[in-house]
Amino acid sequence: MSVVKAEWAGGMRFVHRSASGHALVTDASVASGGNDTAPSPMELILHALVGCTGVDVITILRKMKQPVTKLTVSVDAERADEHPKVYTKLHVKYVVHGDVDERKLKRAIVLSEKIYCSVTAMLAEKAKIDSSYEILPTMADEA
């Protein structure tokens, strides 16, 4: 079982602590009564998504012995207009630098999205999720 606690720090700020000893802060937007000094809880869900699938894709590409020099994962998100304002549509984009085999990259993404990434699995219960990718050459400063 995982335990996470959040302690109110005034305004709409909370300090979250995980059982592993890590901490982070969330806040709400000014429009929601906060000061916009930290990510919102809903933004953290998107951070979790790109972090989860990013770890999977890098791990799988390394096992496939692919020469990845950089990976950027981003997500564009749409939310419902009515409460609860869940995410309804997510587009995940992977930008990979290196001489990576396109078929292997596609396979790594599919494995992450369909099998390994638990965040994707949870979000897929409510949101339509799709993805795209781009392979770019290694930059001189990445070598």
C-alpha atoms as a PDB file:
ATOM      1  CA  MET A   1       0.000   0.000   0.000  1.00  0.00           C
ATOM      2  CA  SER A   2       1.223   3.498  -0.811  1.00  0.00           C
ATOM      3  CA  VAL A   3       0.676   6.345   1.607  1.00  0.00           C
ATOM      4  CA  VAL A   4       0.760  10.002   0.615  1.00  0.00           C
ATOM      5  CA  LYS A   5      -0.194  12.820   2.948  1.00  0.00           C
ATOM      6  CA  ALA A   6      -0.954  16.443   2.125  1.00  0.00           C
ATOM      7  CA  GLU A   7      -0.712  19.187   4.733  1.00  0.00           C
ATOM      8  CA  TRP A   8      -2.407  22.514   4.163  1.00  0.00           C
ATOM      9  CA  ALA A   9       0.158  25.340   4.000  1.00  0.00           C
ATOM     10  CA  GLY A  10      -2.240  28.291   3.770  1.00  0.00           C
ATOM     11  CA  GLY A  11      -4.218  29.681   0.874  1.00  0.00           C
ATOM     12  CA  MET A  12      -4.710  26.786  -1.517  1.00  0.00           C
ATOM     13  CA  ARG A  13      -1.167  25.408  -1.078  1.00  0.00           C
ATOM     14  CA  PHE A  14      -0.528  21.898   0.171  1.00  0.00           C
ATOM     15  CA  VAL A  15       2.762  20.168   0.945  1.00  0.00           C
ATOM     16  CA  HIS A  16       2.560  16.511  -0.073  1.00  0.00           C
ATOM     17  CA  ARG A  17       4.809  13.846   1.409  1.00  0.00           C
ATOM     18  CA  SER A  18       5.148  10.294   0.170  1.00  0.00           C
ATOM     19  CA  ALA A  19       6.104   7.235   2.174  1.00  0.00           C
ATOM     20  CA  SER A  20       9.437   7.270   0.308  1.00  0.00           C
ATOM     21  CA  GLY A  21      10.231  10.624   1.933  1.00  0.00           C
ATOM     22  CA  HIS A  22       9.810  12.835  -1.121  1.00  0.00           C
ATOM     23  CA  ALA A  23       7.856  16.075  -0.945  1.00  0.00           C
ATOM     24  CA  LEU A  24       6.212  18.435  -3.400  1.00  0.00           C
ATOM     25  CA  VAL A  25       3.897  21.418  -3.288  1.00  0.00           C
ATOM     26  CA  THR A  26       0.622  22.054  -5.115  1.00  0.00           C
ATOM     27  CA  ASP A  27      -1.390  25.232  -5.428  1.00  0.00           C
ATOM     28  CA  ALA A  28      -4.504  26.377  -7.238  1.00  0.00           C
ATOM     29  CA  SER A  29      -4.742  29.002  -9.945  1.00  0.00           C
ATOM     30  CA  VAL A  30      -5.623  32.577  -9.012  1.00  0.00           C
ATOM     31  CA  ALA A  31      -9.042  32.033 -10.620  1.00  0.00           C
ATOM     32  CA  SER A  32      -9.594  29.123  -8.223  1.00  0.00           C
ATOM     33  CA  GLY A  33      -8.533  31.050  -5.136  1.00  0.00           C
ATOM     34  CA  GLY A  34      -4.869  30.119  -5.056  1.00  0.00           C
ATOM     35  CA  ASN A  35      -1.697  32.017  -5.847  1.00  0.00           C
ATOM     36  CA  ASP A  36      -0.517  29.861  -8.785  1.00  0.00           C
ATOM     37  CA  THR A  37       2.833  29.209  -7.086  1.00  0.00           C
ATOM     38  CA  ALA A  38       3.035  25.485  -7.880  1.00  0.00           C
ATOM     39  CA  PRO A  39       1.455  22.903 -10.162  1.00  0.00           C
ATOM     40  CA  SER A  40      -2.183  22.114  -9.548  1.00  0.00           C
ATOM     41  CA  PRO A  41      -3.208  18.586  -8.569  1.00  0.00           C
ATOM     42  CA  MET A  42      -4.649  18.095 -12.070  1.00  0.00           C
ATOM     43  CA  GLU A  43      -1.350  19.184 -13.629  1.00  0.00           C
ATOM     44  CA  LEU A  44       0.397  16.580 -11.486  1.00  0.00           C
ATOM     45  CA  ILE A  45      -1.715  13.920 -13.172  1.00  0.00           C
ATOM     46  CA  LEU A  46      -0.278  15.010 -16.514  1.00  0.00           C
ATOM     47  CA  HIS A  47       3.228  15.027 -15.019  1.00  0.00           C
ATOM     48  CA  ALA A  48       2.603  11.471 -13.822  1.00  0.00           C
ATOM     49  CA  LEU A  49       1.456  10.413 -17.281  1.00  0.00           C
ATOM     50  CA  VAL A  50       4.468  11.751 -19.197  1.00  0.00           C
ATOM     51  CA  GLY A  51       6.865  10.539 -16.504  1.00  0.00           C
ATOM     52  CA  CYS A  52       5.380   7.041 -16.424  1.00  0.00           C
ATOM     53  CA  THR A  53       5.329   6.490 -20.173  1.00  0.00           C
ATOM     54  CA  GLY A  54       8.724   8.191 -20.550  1.00  0.00           C
ATOM     55  CA  VAL A  55      10.344   5.742 -18.134  1.00  0.00           C
ATOM     56  CA  ASP A  56       8.724   2.845 -19.970  1.00  0.00           C
ATOM     57  CA  VAL A  57       9.805   3.979 -23.435  1.00  0.00           C
ATOM     58  CA  ILE A  58      13.400   4.664 -22.380  1.00  0.00           C
ATOM     59  CA  THR A  59      13.600   1.318 -20.560  1.00  0.00           C
ATOM     60  CA  ILE A  60      12.218  -0.595 -23.548  1.00  0.00           C
ATOM     61  CA  LEU A  61      14.419   1.219 -26.089  1.00  0.00           C
ATOM     62  CA  ARG A  62      17.505   0.517 -23.964  1.00  0.00           C
ATOM     63  CA  LYS A  63      16.592  -3.180 -23.851  1.00  0.00           C
ATOM     64  CA  MET A  64      16.255  -3.013 -27.641  1.00  0.00           C
ATOM     65  CA  LYS A  65      19.748  -1.463 -27.724  1.00  0.00           C
ATOM     66  CA  GLN A  66      18.519   1.694 -29.445  1.00  0.00           C
ATOM     67  CA  PRO A  67      20.897   4.700 -29.367  1.00  0.00           C
ATOM     68  CA  VAL A  68      18.546   7.262 -27.792  1.00  0.00           C
ATOM     69  CA  THR A  69      20.322  10.493 -26.831  1.00  0.00           C
ATOM     70  CA  LYS A  70      17.264  12.468 -25.759  1.00  0.00           C
ATOM     71  CA  LEU A  71      13.563  11.874 -25.170  1.00  0.00           C
ATOM     72  CA  THR A  72      10.916  14.527 -24.589  1.00  0.00           C
ATOM     73  CA  VAL A  73       7.359  13.490 -23.791  1.00  0.00           C
ATOM     74  CA  SER A  74       4.587  16.096 -23.788  1.00  0.00           C
ATOM     75  CA  VAL A  75       0.827  15.917 -23.427  1.00  0.00           C
ATOM     76  CA  ASP A  76      -1.949  18.170 -24.703  1.00  0.00           C
ATOM     77  CA  ALA A  77      -5.049  17.760 -22.565  1.00  0.00           C
ATOM     78  CA  GLU A  78      -8.718  18.653 -22.768  1.00  0.00           C
ATOM     79  CA  ARG A  79     -11.027  18.635 -19.746  1.00  0.00           C
ATOM     80  CA  ALA A  80     -14.777  18.314 -19.310  1.00  0.00           C
ATOM     81  CA  ASP A  81     -16.675  21.587 -18.956  1.00  0.00           C
ATOM     82  CA  GLU A  82     -18.764  20.315 -16.036  1.00  0.00           C
ATOM     83  CA  HIS A  83     -17.704  18.991 -12.628  1.00  0.00           C
ATOM     84  CA  PRO A  84     -15.911  16.777 -12.088  1.00  0.00           C
ATOM     85  CA  LYS A  85     -13.723  18.342 -14.755  1.00  0.00           C
ATOM     86  CA  VAL A  86     -11.902  15.151 -15.673  1.00  0.00           C
ATOM     87  CA  TYR A  87      -9.535  14.883 -18.598  1.00  0.00           C
ATOM     88  CA  THR A  88     -11.516  13.773 -21.633  1.00  0.00           C
ATOM     89  CA  LYS A  89      -8.906  13.830 -24.394  1.00  0.00           C
ATOM     90  CA  LEU A  90      -5.137  13.441 -24.166  1.00  0.00           C
ATOM     91  CA  HIS A  91      -2.569  13.534 -26.936  1.00  0.00           C
ATOM     92  CA  VAL A  92       0.884  12.298 -25.941  1.00  0.00           C
ATOM     93  CA  LYS A  93       3.820  13.243 -28.169  1.00  0.00           C
ATOM     94  CA  TYR A  94       7.219  11.561 -28.028  1.00  0.00           C
ATOM     95  CA  VAL A  95      10.226  13.339 -29.554  1.00  0.00           C
ATOM     96  CA  VAL A  96      13.243  11.051 -29.709  1.00  0.00           C
ATOM     97  CA  HIS A  97      16.757  12.053 -30.710  1.00  0.00           C
ATOM     98  CA  GLY A  98      19.131   9.434 -32.046  1.00  0.00           C
ATOM     99  CA  ASP A  99      19.489   6.850 -34.790  1.00  0.00           C
ATOM    100  CA  VAL A 100      16.466   4.951 -33.516  1.00  0.00           C
ATOM    101  CA  ASP A 101      14.669   2.283 -35.536  1.00  0.00           C
ATOM    102  CA  GLU A 102      11.142   3.605 -36.134  1.00  0.00           C
ATOM    103  CA  ARG A 103       9.554   0.169 -35.784  1.00  0.00           C
ATOM    104  CA  LYS A 104      11.207  -0.324 -32.410  1.00  0.00           C
ATOM    105  CA  LEU A 105      10.105   3.098 -31.199  1.00  0.00           C
ATOM    106  CA  LYS A 106       6.514   2.376 -32.247  1.00  0.00           C
ATOM    107  CA  ARG A 107       6.685  -0.964 -30.419  1.00  0.00           C
ATOM    108  CA  ALA A 108       8.071   0.676 -27.259  1.00  0.00           C
ATOM    109  CA  ILE A 109       5.255   3.251 -27.281  1.00  0.00           C
ATOM    110  CA  VAL A 110       2.570   0.591 -27.779  1.00  0.00           C
ATOM    111  CA  LEU A 111       3.999  -1.546 -24.965  1.00  0.00           C
ATOM    112  CA  SER A 112       3.982   1.442 -22.627  1.00  0.00           C
ATOM    113  CA  GLU A 113       0.474   2.552 -23.569  1.00  0.00           C
ATOM    114  CA  LYS A 114      -1.165  -0.879 -23.628  1.00  0.00           C
ATOM    115  CA  ILE A 115       0.716  -2.867 -20.966  1.00  0.00           C
ATOM    116  CA  TYR A 116       3.157  -1.088 -18.681  1.00  0.00           C
ATOM    117  CA  CYS A 117       2.074   2.476 -17.883  1.00  0.00           C
ATOM    118  CA  SER A 118      -0.405   2.302 -15.015  1.00  0.00           C
ATOM    119  CA  VAL A 119      -1.130   6.026 -15.285  1.00  0.00           C
ATOM    120  CA  THR A 120      -2.227   5.583 -18.901  1.00  0.00           C
ATOM    121  CA  ALA A 121      -4.406   2.645 -17.872  1.00  0.00           C
ATOM    122  CA  MET A 122      -6.173   4.707 -15.201  1.00  0.00           C
ATOM    123  CA  LEU A 123      -6.672   7.766 -17.397  1.00  0.00           C
ATOM    124  CA  ALA A 124      -7.931   5.637 -20.294  1.00  0.00           C
ATOM    125  CA  GLU A 125     -10.969   4.778 -18.169  1.00  0.00           C
ATOM    126  CA  LYS A 126     -12.271   8.335 -18.743  1.00  0.00           C
ATOM    127  CA  ALA A 127     -10.181   9.920 -21.490  1.00  0.00           C
ATOM    128  CA  LYS A 128      -9.531   9.197 -25.140  1.00  0.00           C
ATOM    129  CA  ILE A 129      -5.762   8.886 -25.415  1.00  0.00           C
ATOM    130  CA  ASP A 130      -3.767   8.961 -28.626  1.00  0.00           C
ATOM    131  CA  SER A 131      -0.137   9.595 -29.414  1.00  0.00           C
ATOM    132  CA  SER A 132       2.380  10.574 -32.041  1.00  0.00           C
ATOM    133  CA  TYR A 133       6.143  10.527 -32.307  1.00  0.00           C
ATOM    134  CA  GLU A 134       9.009  12.213 -34.072  1.00  0.00           C
ATOM    135  CA  ILE A 135      12.553  10.959 -34.526  1.00  0.00           C
ATOM    136  CA  LEU A 136      15.249  13.611 -34.802  1.00  0.00           C
ATOM    137  CA  PRO A 137      19.001  13.236 -35.310  1.00  0.00           C
ATOM    138  CA  THR A 138      21.347  13.431 -32.354  1.00  0.00           C
ATOM    139  CA  MET A 139      22.395  17.028 -31.684  1.00  0.00           C
ATOM    140  CA  ALA A 140      26.084  17.831 -31.205  1.00  0.00           C
ATOM    141  CA  ASP A 141      25.578  18.714 -27.526  1.00  0.00           C
ATOM    142  CA  GLU A 142      23.835  15.360 -26.883  1.00  0.00           C
ATOM    143  CA  ALA A 143      26.642  13.159 -28.117  1.00  0.00           C
END
